[in-house]
Amino acid sequence: MSFDQFTKEVLEPFTGKSICVCDKESGATLSELQIEKVTETESGEFDSLSVILKGNPEVQLPQNTYTFKSEAFDEVELFMVPNSVDSYQIIVSRKKS
């Protein structure tokens, strides 16, 4: 999947469903996270997309670039940060055309 195809329209129908988080280098599955909330905002020259994910508090992932796999978008590499012991966030910003 192209980075530009990672949109609210693609993700929102999959709210409540799981996505696979994999190691960028080896492809090994690290965890499954549930898409909890997808929001879009516009400001100035940029549009941004925020995706909140929930996971198992016993499997904590550090901030990093991961490969995400899902039936929603096939496969894409994105940077993810932890918000709490079981919550994560991906923010994608794009310059308006």
PDB file of N, CA and C in Angstrom:
ATOM      1  N   MET A   1       0.835  -1.179   0.000  1.00  0.00           N
ATOM      2  CA  MET A   1       0.000   0.000   0.000  1.00  0.00           C
ATOM      3  C   MET A   1       0.876   1.237   0.000  1.00  0.00           C
ATOM      4  N   SER A   2       0.429   2.205  -0.730  1.00  0.00           N
ATOM      5  CA  SER A   2       1.100   3.494  -0.742  1.00  0.00           C
ATOM      6  C   SER A   2       0.741   4.266   0.521  1.00  0.00           C
ATOM      7  N   PHE A   3       1.691   5.019   1.022  1.00  0.00           N
ATOM      8  CA  PHE A   3       1.494   5.868   2.197  1.00  0.00           C
ATOM      9  C   PHE A   3       0.273   6.770   2.007  1.00  0.00           C
ATOM     10  N   ASP A   4       0.061   7.271   0.785  1.00  0.00           N
ATOM     11  CA  ASP A   4      -1.056   8.170   0.497  1.00  0.00           C
ATOM     12  C   ASP A   4      -2.412   7.476   0.580  1.00  0.00           C
ATOM     13  N   GLN A   5      -2.441   6.158   0.537  1.00  0.00           N
ATOM     14  CA  GLN A   5      -3.698   5.415   0.622  1.00  0.00           C
ATOM     15  C   GLN A   5      -4.092   5.107   2.066  1.00  0.00           C
ATOM     16  N   PHE A   6      -3.271   5.455   3.019  1.00  0.00           N
ATOM     17  CA  PHE A   6      -3.557   5.252   4.441  1.00  0.00           C
ATOM     18  C   PHE A   6      -4.427   6.428   4.878  1.00  0.00           C
ATOM     19  N   THR A   7      -5.750   6.290   4.728  1.00  0.00           N
ATOM     20  CA  THR A   7      -6.682   7.395   4.945  1.00  0.00           C
ATOM     21  C   THR A   7      -7.795   7.011   5.919  1.00  0.00           C
ATOM     22  N   LYS A   8      -8.516   8.015   6.375  1.00  0.00           N
ATOM     23  CA  LYS A   8      -9.658   7.794   7.260  1.00  0.00           C
ATOM     24  C   LYS A   8     -10.702   6.923   6.570  1.00  0.00           C
ATOM     25  N   GLU A   9     -10.941   7.180   5.295  1.00  0.00           N
ATOM     26  CA  GLU A   9     -11.941   6.409   4.551  1.00  0.00           C
ATOM     27  C   GLU A   9     -11.586   4.924   4.503  1.00  0.00           C
ATOM     28  N   VAL A  10     -10.317   4.618   4.405  1.00  0.00           N
ATOM     29  CA  VAL A  10      -9.869   3.222   4.377  1.00  0.00           C
ATOM     30  C   VAL A  10      -9.952   2.600   5.768  1.00  0.00           C
ATOM     31  N   LEU A  11      -9.537   3.341   6.801  1.00  0.00           N
ATOM     32  CA  LEU A  11      -9.413   2.782   8.152  1.00  0.00           C
ATOM     33  C   LEU A  11     -10.701   2.758   8.971  1.00  0.00           C
ATOM     34  N   GLU A  12     -11.527   3.775   8.832  1.00  0.00           N
ATOM     35  CA  GLU A  12     -12.694   3.903   9.714  1.00  0.00           C
ATOM     36  C   GLU A  12     -13.607   2.671   9.728  1.00  0.00           C
ATOM     37  N   PRO A  13     -13.874   2.018   8.595  1.00  0.00           N
ATOM     38  CA  PRO A  13     -14.718   0.817   8.641  1.00  0.00           C
ATOM     39  C   PRO A  13     -14.103  -0.335   9.451  1.00  0.00           C
ATOM     40  N   PHE A  14     -12.818  -0.248   9.740  1.00  0.00           N
ATOM     41  CA  PHE A  14     -12.134  -1.313  10.480  1.00  0.00           C
ATOM     42  C   PHE A  14     -11.950  -0.976  11.960  1.00  0.00           C
ATOM     43  N   THR A  15     -12.599   0.088  12.428  1.00  0.00           N
ATOM     44  CA  THR A  15     -12.565   0.425  13.852  1.00  0.00           C
ATOM     45  C   THR A  15     -13.090  -0.767  14.650  1.00  0.00           C
ATOM     46  N   GLY A  16     -12.346  -1.140  15.685  1.00  0.00           N
ATOM     47  CA  GLY A  16     -12.700  -2.305  16.491  1.00  0.00           C
ATOM     48  C   GLY A  16     -12.051  -3.595  16.022  1.00  0.00           C
ATOM     49  N   LYS A  17     -11.413  -3.564  14.864  1.00  0.00           N
ATOM     50  CA  LYS A  17     -10.743  -4.758  14.337  1.00  0.00           C
ATOM     51  C   LYS A  17      -9.246  -4.673  14.594  1.00  0.00           C
ATOM     52  N   SER A  18      -8.592  -5.814  14.506  1.00  0.00           N
ATOM     53  CA  SER A  18      -7.164  -5.899  14.817  1.00  0.00           C
ATOM     54  C   SER A  18      -6.289  -5.718  13.592  1.00  0.00           C
ATOM     55  N   ILE A  19      -5.100  -5.167  13.843  1.00  0.00           N
ATOM     56  CA  ILE A  19      -4.058  -5.111  12.829  1.00  0.00           C
ATOM     57  C   ILE A  19      -2.803  -5.751  13.420  1.00  0.00           C
ATOM     58  N   CYS A  20      -1.995  -6.282  12.552  1.00  0.00           N
ATOM     59  CA  CYS A  20      -0.770  -6.961  12.962  1.00  0.00           C
ATOM     60  C   CYS A  20       0.389  -5.964  12.929  1.00  0.00           C
ATOM     61  N   VAL A  21       1.164  -5.926  14.008  1.00  0.00           N
ATOM     62  CA  VAL A  21       2.349  -5.068  14.087  1.00  0.00           C
ATOM     63  C   VAL A  21       3.567  -5.974  13.948  1.00  0.00           C
ATOM     64  N   CYS A  22       4.386  -5.692  12.939  1.00  0.00           N
ATOM     65  CA  CYS A  22       5.531  -6.552  12.642  1.00  0.00           C
ATOM     66  C   CYS A  22       6.835  -5.763  12.681  1.00  0.00           C
ATOM     67  N   ASP A  23       7.912  -6.480  12.972  1.00  0.00           N
ATOM     68  CA  ASP A  23       9.247  -5.893  12.933  1.00  0.00           C
ATOM     69  C   ASP A  23       9.552  -5.479  11.499  1.00  0.00           C
ATOM     70  N   LYS A  24      10.017  -4.257  11.332  1.00  0.00           N
ATOM     71  CA  LYS A  24      10.291  -3.711  10.006  1.00  0.00           C
ATOM     72  C   LYS A  24      11.372  -4.497   9.269  1.00  0.00           C
ATOM     73  N   GLU A  25      12.356  -4.976   9.992  1.00  0.00           N
ATOM     74  CA  GLU A  25      13.482  -5.675   9.361  1.00  0.00           C
ATOM     75  C   GLU A  25      13.190  -7.152   9.097  1.00  0.00           C
ATOM     76  N   SER A  26      12.750  -7.869  10.127  1.00  0.00           N
ATOM     77  CA  SER A  26      12.579  -9.319   9.997  1.00  0.00           C
ATOM     78  C   SER A  26      11.190  -9.731   9.523  1.00  0.00           C
ATOM     79  N   GLY A  27      10.205  -8.844   9.711  1.00  0.00           N
ATOM     80  CA  GLY A  27       8.835  -9.196   9.355  1.00  0.00           C
ATOM     81  C   GLY A  27       8.125 -10.007  10.423  1.00  0.00           C
ATOM     82  N   ALA A  28       8.825 -10.304  11.531  1.00  0.00           N
ATOM     83  CA  ALA A  28       8.230 -11.108  12.609  1.00  0.00           C
ATOM     84  C   ALA A  28       7.083 -10.346  13.275  1.00  0.00           C
ATOM     85  N   THR A  29       6.007 -11.056  13.564  1.00  0.00           N
ATOM     86  CA  THR A  29       4.864 -10.455  14.250  1.00  0.00           C
ATOM     87  C   THR A  29       5.235 -10.149  15.693  1.00  0.00           C
ATOM     88  N   LEU A  30       5.000  -8.903  16.118  1.00  0.00           N
ATOM     89  CA  LEU A  30       5.316  -8.470  17.476  1.00  0.00           C
ATOM     90  C   LEU A  30       4.076  -8.404  18.356  1.00  0.00           C
ATOM     91  N   SER A  31       2.955  -8.021  17.761  1.00  0.00           N
ATOM     92  CA  SER A  31       1.724  -7.866  18.533  1.00  0.00           C
ATOM     93  C   SER A  31       0.554  -7.654  17.584  1.00  0.00           C
ATOM     94  N   GLU A  32      -0.643  -7.769  18.127  1.00  0.00           N
ATOM     95  CA  GLU A  32      -1.862  -7.392  17.416  1.00  0.00           C
ATOM     96  C   GLU A  32      -2.471  -6.241  18.187  1.00  0.00           C
ATOM     97  N   LEU A  33      -2.842  -5.185  17.486  1.00  0.00           N
ATOM     98  CA  LEU A  33      -3.457  -4.020  18.108  1.00  0.00           C
ATOM     99  C   LEU A  33      -4.820  -3.782  17.472  1.00  0.00           C
ATOM    100  N   GLN A  34      -5.725  -3.248  18.265  1.00  0.00           N
ATOM    101  CA  GLN A  34      -7.075  -2.973  17.790  1.00  0.00           C
ATOM    102  C   GLN A  34      -7.200  -1.493  17.425  1.00  0.00           C
ATOM    103  N   ILE A  35      -7.769  -1.225  16.258  1.00  0.00           N
ATOM    104  CA  ILE A  35      -8.022   0.161  15.856  1.00  0.00           C
ATOM    105  C   ILE A  35      -9.163   0.686  16.722  1.00  0.00           C
ATOM    106  N   GLU A  36      -8.860   1.685  17.547  1.00  0.00           N
ATOM    107  CA  GLU A  36      -9.863   2.217  18.474  1.00  0.00           C
ATOM    108  C   GLU A  36     -10.540   3.478  17.950  1.00  0.00           C
ATOM    109  N   LYS A  37      -9.763   4.373  17.345  1.00  0.00           N
ATOM    110  CA  LYS A  37     -10.328   5.649  16.904  1.00  0.00           C
ATOM    111  C   LYS A  37      -9.512   6.202  15.744  1.00  0.00           C
ATOM    112  N   VAL A  38     -10.211   6.735  14.750  1.00  0.00           N
ATOM    113  CA  VAL A  38      -9.568   7.346  13.590  1.00  0.00           C
ATOM    114  C   VAL A  38     -10.134   8.757  13.447  1.00  0.00           C
ATOM    115  N   THR A  39      -9.262   9.762  13.487  1.00  0.00           N
ATOM    116  CA  THR A  39      -9.719  11.146  13.335  1.00  0.00           C
ATOM    117  C   THR A  39      -8.862  11.872  12.310  1.00  0.00           C
ATOM    118  N   GLU A  40      -9.487  12.838  11.674  1.00  0.00           N
ATOM    119  CA  GLU A  40      -8.815  13.618  10.647  1.00  0.00           C
ATOM    120  C   GLU A  40      -8.935  15.091  11.017  1.00  0.00           C
ATOM    121  N   THR A  41      -7.867  15.842  10.825  1.00  0.00           N
ATOM    122  CA  THR A  41      -7.918  17.285  11.069  1.00  0.00           C
ATOM    123  C   THR A  41      -7.248  18.014   9.916  1.00  0.00           C
ATOM    124  N   GLU A  42      -7.658  19.251   9.730  1.00  0.00           N
ATOM    125  CA  GLU A  42      -7.053  20.109   8.713  1.00  0.00           C
ATOM    126  C   GLU A  42      -6.516  21.345   9.404  1.00  0.00           C
ATOM    127  N   SER A  43      -5.325  21.752   9.000  1.00  0.00           N
ATOM    128  CA  SER A  43      -4.785  22.987   9.556  1.00  0.00           C
ATOM    129  C   SER A  43      -3.788  23.564   8.574  1.00  0.00           C
ATOM    130  N   GLY A  44      -4.063  24.778   8.157  1.00  0.00           N
ATOM    131  CA  GLY A  44      -3.136  25.453   7.258  1.00  0.00           C
ATOM    132  C   GLY A  44      -2.849  24.672   5.996  1.00  0.00           C
ATOM    133  N   GLU A  45      -1.588  24.368   5.790  1.00  0.00           N
ATOM    134  CA  GLU A  45      -1.142  23.684   4.579  1.00  0.00           C
ATOM    135  C   GLU A  45      -1.205  22.164   4.673  1.00  0.00           C
ATOM    136  N   PHE A  46      -1.591  21.628   5.840  1.00  0.00           N
ATOM    137  CA  PHE A  46      -1.511  20.184   6.038  1.00  0.00           C
ATOM    138  C   PHE A  46      -2.846  19.572   6.465  1.00  0.00           C
ATOM    139  N   ASP A  47      -3.050  18.334   6.041  1.00  0.00           N
ATOM    140  CA  ASP A  47      -4.113  17.472   6.549  1.00  0.00           C
ATOM    141  C   ASP A  47      -3.423  16.432   7.410  1.00  0.00           C
ATOM    142  N   SER A  48      -4.054  16.040   8.504  1.00  0.00           N
ATOM    143  CA  SER A  48      -3.440  14.993   9.324  1.00  0.00           C
ATOM    144  C   SER A  48      -4.472  13.959   9.746  1.00  0.00           C
ATOM    145  N   LEU A  49      -3.976  12.768   9.956  1.00  0.00           N
ATOM    146  CA  LEU A  49      -4.776  11.619  10.343  1.00  0.00           C
ATOM    147  C   LEU A  49      -4.181  11.052  11.621  1.00  0.00           C
ATOM    148  N   SER A  50      -5.025  10.834  12.611  1.00  0.00           N
ATOM    149  CA  SER A  50      -4.590  10.236  13.871  1.00  0.00           C
ATOM    150  C   SER A  50      -5.301   8.902  14.044  1.00  0.00           C
ATOM    151  N   VAL A  51      -4.527   7.873  14.357  1.00  0.00           N
ATOM    152  CA  VAL A  51      -5.087   6.547  14.597  1.00  0.00           C
ATOM    153  C   VAL A  51      -4.682   6.118  16.003  1.00  0.00           C
ATOM    154  N   ILE A  52      -5.674   5.856  16.850  1.00  0.00           N
ATOM    155  CA  ILE A  52      -5.428   5.362  18.205  1.00  0.00           C
ATOM    156  C   ILE A  52      -5.630   3.855  18.188  1.00  0.00           C
ATOM    157  N   LEU A  53      -4.650   3.143  18.741  1.00  0.00           N
ATOM    158  CA  LEU A  53      -4.664   1.679  18.777  1.00  0.00           C
ATOM    159  C   LEU A  53      -4.607   1.204  20.218  1.00  0.00           C
ATOM    160  N   LYS A  54      -5.287   0.105  20.506  1.00  0.00           N
ATOM    161  CA  LYS A  54      -5.253  -0.502  21.843  1.00  0.00           C
ATOM    162  C   LYS A  54      -4.608  -1.870  21.744  1.00  0.00           C
ATOM    163  N   GLY A  55      -3.821  -2.203  22.788  1.00  0.00           N
ATOM    164  CA  GLY A  55      -3.145  -3.487  22.793  1.00  0.00           C
ATOM    165  C   GLY A  55      -3.155  -4.138  24.153  1.00  0.00           C
ATOM    166  N   ASN A  56      -2.463  -5.228  24.244  1.00  0.00           N
ATOM    167  CA  ASN A  56      -2.317  -5.985  25.478  1.00  0.00           C
ATOM    168  C   ASN A  56      -1.295  -5.264  26.362  1.00  0.00           C
ATOM    169  N   PRO A  57      -1.665  -4.889  27.595  1.00  0.00           N
ATOM    170  CA  PRO A  57      -0.715  -4.178  28.456  1.00  0.00           C
ATOM    171  C   PRO A  57       0.520  -5.008  28.816  1.00  0.00           C
ATOM    172  N   GLU A  58       0.451  -6.318  28.605  1.00  0.00           N
ATOM    173  CA  GLU A  58       1.596  -7.180  28.912  1.00  0.00           C
ATOM    174  C   GLU A  58       2.604  -7.233  27.767  1.00  0.00           C
ATOM    175  N   VAL A  59       2.224  -6.718  26.596  1.00  0.00           N
ATOM    176  CA  VAL A  59       3.125  -6.682  25.439  1.00  0.00           C
ATOM    177  C   VAL A  59       3.288  -5.218  25.047  1.00  0.00           C
ATOM    178  N   GLN A  60       4.329  -4.582  25.570  1.00  0.00           N
ATOM    179  CA  GLN A  60       4.537  -3.155  25.325  1.00  0.00           C
ATOM    180  C   GLN A  60       5.546  -2.951  24.200  1.00  0.00           C
ATOM    181  N   LEU A  61       5.188  -2.086  23.285  1.00  0.00           N
ATOM    182  CA  LEU A  61       6.052  -1.782  22.146  1.00  0.00           C
ATOM    183  C   LEU A  61       6.613  -0.370  22.289  1.00  0.00           C
ATOM    184  N   PRO A  62       7.914  -0.179  22.055  1.00  0.00           N
ATOM    185  CA  PRO A  62       8.486   1.169  22.127  1.00  0.00           C
ATOM    186  C   PRO A  62       8.142   1.965  20.868  1.00  0.00           C
ATOM    187  N   GLN A  63       8.337   3.278  20.928  1.00  0.00           N
ATOM    188  CA  GLN A  63       8.135   4.068  19.712  1.00  0.00           C
ATOM    189  C   GLN A  63       9.140   3.601  18.681  1.00  0.00           C
ATOM    190  N   ASN A  64       8.650   3.455  17.452  1.00  0.00           N
ATOM    191  CA  ASN A  64       9.501   2.918  16.401  1.00  0.00           C
ATOM    192  C   ASN A  64       8.714   2.932  15.094  1.00  0.00           C
ATOM    193  N   THR A  65       9.407   2.654  14.009  1.00  0.00           N
ATOM    194  CA  THR A  65       8.749   2.431  12.728  1.00  0.00           C
ATOM    195  C   THR A  65       8.495   0.939  12.603  1.00  0.00           C
ATOM    196  N   TYR A  66       7.239   0.588  12.351  1.00  0.00           N
ATOM    197  CA  TYR A  66       6.819  -0.806  12.255  1.00  0.00           C
ATOM    198  C   TYR A  66       6.147  -1.050  10.910  1.00  0.00           C
ATOM    199  N   THR A  67       6.094  -2.313  10.535  1.00  0.00           N
ATOM    200  CA  THR A  67       5.288  -2.717   9.390  1.00  0.00           C
ATOM    201  C   THR A  67       3.934  -3.146   9.937  1.00  0.00           C
ATOM    202  N   PHE A  68       2.880  -2.530   9.432  1.00  0.00           N
ATOM    203  CA  PHE A  68       1.516  -2.854   9.850  1.00  0.00           C
ATOM    204  C   PHE A  68       0.847  -3.628   8.729  1.00  0.00           C
ATOM    205  N   LYS A  69       0.153  -4.708   9.110  1.00  0.00           N
ATOM    206  CA  LYS A  69      -0.548  -5.538   8.131  1.00  0.00           C
ATOM    207  C   LYS A  69      -2.005  -5.669   8.551  1.00  0.00           C
ATOM    208  N   SER A  70      -2.890  -5.535   7.558  1.00  0.00           N
ATOM    209  CA  SER A  70      -4.317  -5.610   7.839  1.00  0.00           C
ATOM    210  C   SER A  70      -5.081  -5.848   6.552  1.00  0.00           C
ATOM    211  N   GLU A  71      -6.282  -6.412   6.676  1.00  0.00           N
ATOM    212  CA  GLU A  71      -7.139  -6.541   5.502  1.00  0.00           C
ATOM    213  C   GLU A  71      -7.602  -5.164   5.032  1.00  0.00           C
ATOM    214  N   ALA A  72      -7.531  -4.162   5.907  1.00  0.00           N
ATOM    215  CA  ALA A  72      -7.949  -2.800   5.553  1.00  0.00           C
ATOM    216  C   ALA A  72      -7.000  -2.168   4.544  1.00  0.00           C
ATOM    217  N   PHE A  73      -5.689  -2.426   4.696  1.00  0.00           N
ATOM    218  CA  PHE A  73      -4.717  -1.712   3.866  1.00  0.00           C
ATOM    219  C   PHE A  73      -3.542  -2.562   3.432  1.00  0.00           C
ATOM    220  N   ASP A  74      -3.609  -3.853   3.558  1.00  0.00           N
ATOM    221  CA  ASP A  74      -2.544  -4.771   3.171  1.00  0.00           C
ATOM    222  C   ASP A  74      -1.320  -4.569   4.061  1.00  0.00           C
ATOM    223  N   GLU A  75      -0.343  -3.766   3.644  1.00  0.00           N
ATOM    224  CA  GLU A  75       0.899  -3.599   4.414  1.00  0.00           C
ATOM    225  C   GLU A  75       1.455  -2.190   4.215  1.00  0.00           C
ATOM    226  N   VAL A  76       1.880  -1.565   5.332  1.00  0.00           N
ATOM    227  CA  VAL A  76       2.445  -0.219   5.251  1.00  0.00           C
ATOM    228  C   VAL A  76       3.400  -0.007   6.425  1.00  0.00           C
ATOM    229  N   GLU A  77       4.484   0.744   6.199  1.00  0.00           N
ATOM    230  CA  GLU A  77       5.429   1.081   7.272  1.00  0.00           C
ATOM    231  C   GLU A  77       5.089   2.458   7.820  1.00  0.00           C
ATOM    232  N   LEU A  78       4.898   2.536   9.158  1.00  0.00           N
ATOM    233  CA  LEU A  78       4.542   3.788   9.813  1.00  0.00           C
ATOM    234  C   LEU A  78       5.231   3.893  11.165  1.00  0.00           C
ATOM    235  N   PHE A  79       5.406   5.124  11.618  1.00  0.00           N
ATOM    236  CA  PHE A  79       5.986   5.394  12.931  1.00  0.00           C
ATOM    237  C   PHE A  79       4.859   5.418  13.960  1.00  0.00           C
ATOM    238  N   MET A  80       5.037   4.704  15.065  1.00  0.00           N
ATOM    239  CA  MET A  80       4.026   4.604  16.116  1.00  0.00           C
ATOM    240  C   MET A  80       4.654   4.950  17.459  1.00  0.00           C
ATOM    241  N   VAL A  81       3.883   5.660  18.295  1.00  0.00           N
ATOM    242  CA  VAL A  81       4.350   6.006  19.642  1.00  0.00           C
ATOM    243  C   VAL A  81       3.365   5.486  20.679  1.00  0.00           C
ATOM    244  N   PRO A  82       3.880   5.070  21.848  1.00  0.00           N
ATOM    245  CA  PRO A  82       2.975   4.662  22.927  1.00  0.00           C
ATOM    246  C   PRO A  82       2.395   5.897  23.618  1.00  0.00           C
ATOM    247  N   ASN A  83       1.105   5.823  23.967  1.00  0.00           N
ATOM    248  CA  ASN A  83       0.446   6.869  24.759  1.00  0.00           C
ATOM    249  C   ASN A  83       0.329   6.449  26.212  1.00  0.00           C
ATOM    250  N   SER A  84       0.256   5.149  26.430  1.00  0.00           N
ATOM    251  CA  SER A  84       0.162   4.571  27.772  1.00  0.00           C
ATOM    252  C   SER A  84       0.582   3.113  27.664  1.00  0.00           C
ATOM    253  N   VAL A  85       0.379   2.366  28.726  1.00  0.00           N
ATOM    254  CA  VAL A  85       0.822   0.976  28.758  1.00  0.00           C
ATOM    255  C   VAL A  85       0.106   0.116  27.701  1.00  0.00           C
ATOM    256  N   ASP A  86      -1.108   0.505  27.285  1.00  0.00           N
ATOM    257  CA  ASP A  86      -1.841  -0.302  26.305  1.00  0.00           C
ATOM    258  C   ASP A  86      -2.425   0.522  25.154  1.00  0.00           C
ATOM    259  N   SER A  87      -1.973   1.758  24.993  1.00  0.00           N
ATOM    260  CA  SER A  87      -2.501   2.632  23.947  1.00  0.00           C
ATOM    261  C   SER A  87      -1.356   3.193  23.103  1.00  0.00           C
ATOM    262  N   TYR A  88      -1.592   3.253  21.791  1.00  0.00           N
ATOM    263  CA  TYR A  88      -0.583   3.721  20.844  1.00  0.00           C
ATOM    264  C   TYR A  88      -1.222   4.698  19.864  1.00  0.00           C
ATOM    265  N   GLN A  89      -0.367   5.501  19.214  1.00  0.00           N
ATOM    266  CA  GLN A  89      -0.886   6.460  18.247  1.00  0.00           C
ATOM    267  C   GLN A  89       0.020   6.533  17.026  1.00  0.00           C
ATOM    268  N   ILE A  90      -0.632   6.627  15.880  1.00  0.00           N
ATOM    269  CA  ILE A  90       0.041   6.889  14.606  1.00  0.00           C
ATOM    270  C   ILE A  90      -0.531   8.206  14.100  1.00  0.00           C
ATOM    271  N   ILE A  91       0.341   9.128  13.716  1.00  0.00           N
ATOM    272  CA  ILE A  91      -0.109  10.383  13.113  1.00  0.00           C
ATOM    273  C   ILE A  91       0.539  10.501  11.740  1.00  0.00           C
ATOM    274  N   VAL A  92      -0.295  10.746  10.749  1.00  0.00           N
ATOM    275  CA  VAL A  92       0.177  10.924   9.384  1.00  0.00           C
ATOM    276  C   VAL A  92      -0.209  12.329   8.948  1.00  0.00           C
ATOM    277  N   SER A  93       0.770  13.132   8.535  1.00  0.00           N
ATOM    278  CA  SER A  93       0.506  14.486   8.031  1.00  0.00           C
ATOM    279  C   SER A  93       0.894  14.557   6.567  1.00  0.00           C
ATOM    280  N   ARG A  94       0.028  15.194   5.799  1.00  0.00           N
ATOM    281  CA  ARG A  94       0.281  15.348   4.369  1.00  0.00           C
ATOM    282  C   ARG A  94       0.079  16.805   3.970  1.00  0.00           C
ATOM    283  N   LYS A  95       0.954  17.291   3.131  1.00  0.00           N
ATOM    284  CA  LYS A  95       0.800  18.647   2.609  1.00  0.00           C
ATOM    285  C   LYS A  95      -0.358  18.649   1.613  1.00  0.00           C
ATOM    286  N   LYS A  96      -1.237  19.640   1.761  1.00  0.00           N
ATOM    287  CA  LYS A  96      -2.369  19.758   0.842  1.00  0.00           C
ATOM    288  C   LYS A  96      -1.857  20.067  -0.557  1.00  0.00           C
ATOM    289  N   SER A  97      -2.552  19.507  -1.540  1.00  0.00           N
ATOM    290  CA  SER A  97      -2.118  19.764  -2.927  1.00  0.00           C
ATOM    291  C   SER A  97      -2.875  20.911  -3.542  1.00  0.00           C
TER     292      SER A  97
END
